[in-house]
Amino acid sequence: MKITLIIPTYNAGSLWPNVLDAIKQQTIYPDKL
């Protein structure tokens, strides 16, 4: 099973690295971001 995560953002700027870190800490990591 493949998992794709789509996160609509507008001017995420400096918050984006925090979002990616939080996603990486999940037990199931998406195949595509």
PDB file of N, CA and C in Angstrom:
ATOM      1  N   MET A   1       0.851  -1.175   0.000  1.00  0.00           N
ATOM      2  CA  MET A   1       0.000   0.000   0.000  1.00  0.00           C
ATOM      3  C   MET A   1       0.896   1.237   0.000  1.00  0.00           C
ATOM      4  N   LYS A   2       0.590   2.159  -0.859  1.00  0.00           N
ATOM      5  CA  LYS A   2       1.338   3.418  -0.937  1.00  0.00           C
ATOM      6  C   LYS A   2       0.509   4.526  -0.308  1.00  0.00           C
ATOM      7  N   ILE A   3       1.197   5.414   0.356  1.00  0.00           N
ATOM      8  CA  ILE A   3       0.544   6.534   1.033  1.00  0.00           C
ATOM      9  C   ILE A   3       1.106   7.833   0.481  1.00  0.00           C
ATOM     10  N   THR A   4       0.216   8.718   0.077  1.00  0.00           N
ATOM     11  CA  THR A   4       0.603  10.042  -0.396  1.00  0.00           C
ATOM     12  C   THR A   4      -0.011  11.076   0.530  1.00  0.00           C
ATOM     13  N   LEU A   5       0.788  12.036   0.930  1.00  0.00           N
ATOM     14  CA  LEU A   5       0.318  13.095   1.815  1.00  0.00           C
ATOM     15  C   LEU A   5       0.393  14.418   1.065  1.00  0.00           C
ATOM     16  N   ILE A   6      -0.730  15.094   0.985  1.00  0.00           N
ATOM     17  CA  ILE A   6      -0.795  16.403   0.333  1.00  0.00           C
ATOM     18  C   ILE A   6      -1.163  17.430   1.397  1.00  0.00           C
ATOM     19  N   ILE A   7      -0.314  18.426   1.549  1.00  0.00           N
ATOM     20  CA  ILE A   7      -0.562  19.478   2.536  1.00  0.00           C
ATOM     21  C   ILE A   7      -0.616  20.810   1.799  1.00  0.00           C
ATOM     22  N   PRO A   8      -1.818  21.342   1.618  1.00  0.00           N
ATOM     23  CA  PRO A   8      -1.896  22.653   0.973  1.00  0.00           C
ATOM     24  C   PRO A   8      -1.329  23.735   1.902  1.00  0.00           C
ATOM     25  N   THR A   9      -0.423  24.513   1.385  1.00  0.00           N
ATOM     26  CA  THR A   9       0.174  25.582   2.194  1.00  0.00           C
ATOM     27  C   THR A   9       0.207  26.879   1.397  1.00  0.00           C
ATOM     28  N   TYR A  10       0.233  27.944   2.104  1.00  0.00           N
ATOM     29  CA  TYR A  10       0.372  29.263   1.500  1.00  0.00           C
ATOM     30  C   TYR A  10       1.350  30.030   2.369  1.00  0.00           C
ATOM     31  N   ASN A  11       2.520  30.295   1.836  1.00  0.00           N
ATOM     32  CA  ASN A  11       3.571  31.004   2.577  1.00  0.00           C
ATOM     33  C   ASN A  11       3.957  30.276   3.864  1.00  0.00           C
ATOM     34  N   ALA A  12       4.218  28.979   3.763  1.00  0.00           N
ATOM     35  CA  ALA A  12       4.595  28.203   4.952  1.00  0.00           C
ATOM     36  C   ALA A  12       5.910  28.705   5.543  1.00  0.00           C
ATOM     37  N   GLY A  13       6.795  29.156   4.673  1.00  0.00           N
ATOM     38  CA  GLY A  13       8.043  29.773   5.107  1.00  0.00           C
ATOM     39  C   GLY A  13       8.805  28.994   6.149  1.00  0.00           C
ATOM     40  N   SER A  14       9.075  29.624   7.263  1.00  0.00           N
ATOM     41  CA  SER A  14       9.914  29.035   8.302  1.00  0.00           C
ATOM     42  C   SER A  14       9.232  27.885   9.037  1.00  0.00           C
ATOM     43  N   LEU A  15       7.929  27.724   8.889  1.00  0.00           N
ATOM     44  CA  LEU A  15       7.223  26.634   9.571  1.00  0.00           C
ATOM     45  C   LEU A  15       7.387  25.291   8.863  1.00  0.00           C
ATOM     46  N   TRP A  16       7.734  25.306   7.590  1.00  0.00           N
ATOM     47  CA  TRP A  16       7.779  24.074   6.807  1.00  0.00           C
ATOM     48  C   TRP A  16       8.748  23.028   7.365  1.00  0.00           C
ATOM     49  N   PRO A  17       9.971  23.375   7.799  1.00  0.00           N
ATOM     50  CA  PRO A  17      10.860  22.364   8.384  1.00  0.00           C
ATOM     51  C   PRO A  17      10.240  21.689   9.610  1.00  0.00           C
ATOM     52  N   ASN A  18       9.491  22.436  10.404  1.00  0.00           N
ATOM     53  CA  ASN A  18       8.833  21.841  11.573  1.00  0.00           C
ATOM     54  C   ASN A  18       7.766  20.841  11.154  1.00  0.00           C
ATOM     55  N   VAL A  19       7.041  21.157  10.103  1.00  0.00           N
ATOM     56  CA  VAL A  19       6.015  20.243   9.591  1.00  0.00           C
ATOM     57  C   VAL A  19       6.671  18.951   9.106  1.00  0.00           C
ATOM     58  N   LEU A  20       7.746  19.064   8.350  1.00  0.00           N
ATOM     59  CA  LEU A  20       8.439  17.872   7.853  1.00  0.00           C
ATOM     60  C   LEU A  20       8.985  17.022   8.993  1.00  0.00           C
ATOM     61  N   ASP A  21       9.534  17.643  10.016  1.00  0.00           N
ATOM     62  CA  ASP A  21      10.031  16.902  11.179  1.00  0.00           C
ATOM     63  C   ASP A  21       8.903  16.145  11.874  1.00  0.00           C
ATOM     64  N   ALA A  22       7.755  16.779  12.008  1.00  0.00           N
ATOM     65  CA  ALA A  22       6.610  16.131  12.653  1.00  0.00           C
ATOM     66  C   ALA A  22       6.123  14.943  11.829  1.00  0.00           C
ATOM     67  N   ILE A  23       6.129  15.076  10.516  1.00  0.00           N
ATOM     68  CA  ILE A  23       5.705  13.971   9.647  1.00  0.00           C
ATOM     69  C   ILE A  23       6.671  12.796   9.778  1.00  0.00           C
ATOM     70  N   LYS A  24       7.956  13.073   9.846  1.00  0.00           N
ATOM     71  CA  LYS A  24       8.961  12.013   9.959  1.00  0.00           C
ATOM     72  C   LYS A  24       8.841  11.241  11.265  1.00  0.00           C
ATOM     73  N   GLN A  25       8.241  11.830  12.283  1.00  0.00           N
ATOM     74  CA  GLN A  25       8.085  11.173  13.574  1.00  0.00           C
ATOM     75  C   GLN A  25       6.867  10.255  13.634  1.00  0.00           C
ATOM     76  N   GLN A  26       6.044  10.259  12.597  1.00  0.00           N
ATOM     77  CA  GLN A  26       4.854   9.410  12.570  1.00  0.00           C
ATOM     78  C   GLN A  26       5.256   7.947  12.377  1.00  0.00           C
ATOM     79  N   THR A  27       4.412   7.041  12.858  1.00  0.00           N
ATOM     80  CA  THR A  27       4.724   5.614  12.735  1.00  0.00           C
ATOM     81  C   THR A  27       4.621   5.134  11.291  1.00  0.00           C
ATOM     82  N   ILE A  28       3.747   5.730  10.497  1.00  0.00           N
ATOM     83  CA  ILE A  28       3.635   5.397   9.079  1.00  0.00           C
ATOM     84  C   ILE A  28       4.070   6.621   8.288  1.00  0.00           C
ATOM     85  N   TYR A  29       5.174   6.459   7.563  1.00  0.00           N
ATOM     86  CA  TYR A  29       5.719   7.575   6.793  1.00  0.00           C
ATOM     87  C   TYR A  29       5.179   7.502   5.368  1.00  0.00           C
ATOM     88  N   PRO A  30       4.717   8.617   4.808  1.00  0.00           N
ATOM     89  CA  PRO A  30       4.178   8.584   3.444  1.00  0.00           C
ATOM     90  C   PRO A  30       5.261   8.290   2.407  1.00  0.00           C
ATOM     91  N   ASP A  31       4.852   7.635   1.312  1.00  0.00           N
ATOM     92  CA  ASP A  31       5.771   7.367   0.210  1.00  0.00           C
ATOM     93  C   ASP A  31       6.069   8.636  -0.579  1.00  0.00           C
ATOM     94  N   LYS A  32       5.107   9.544  -0.603  1.00  0.00           N
ATOM     95  CA  LYS A  32       5.267  10.820  -1.308  1.00  0.00           C
ATOM     96  C   LYS A  32       4.782  11.950  -0.424  1.00  0.00           C
ATOM     97  N   LEU A  33       5.482  13.072  -0.534  1.00  0.00           N
ATOM     98  CA  LEU A  33       5.055  14.294   0.159  1.00  0.00           C
ATOM     99  C   LEU A  33       4.808  15.355  -0.868  1.00  0.00           C
TER     100      LEU A  33
END
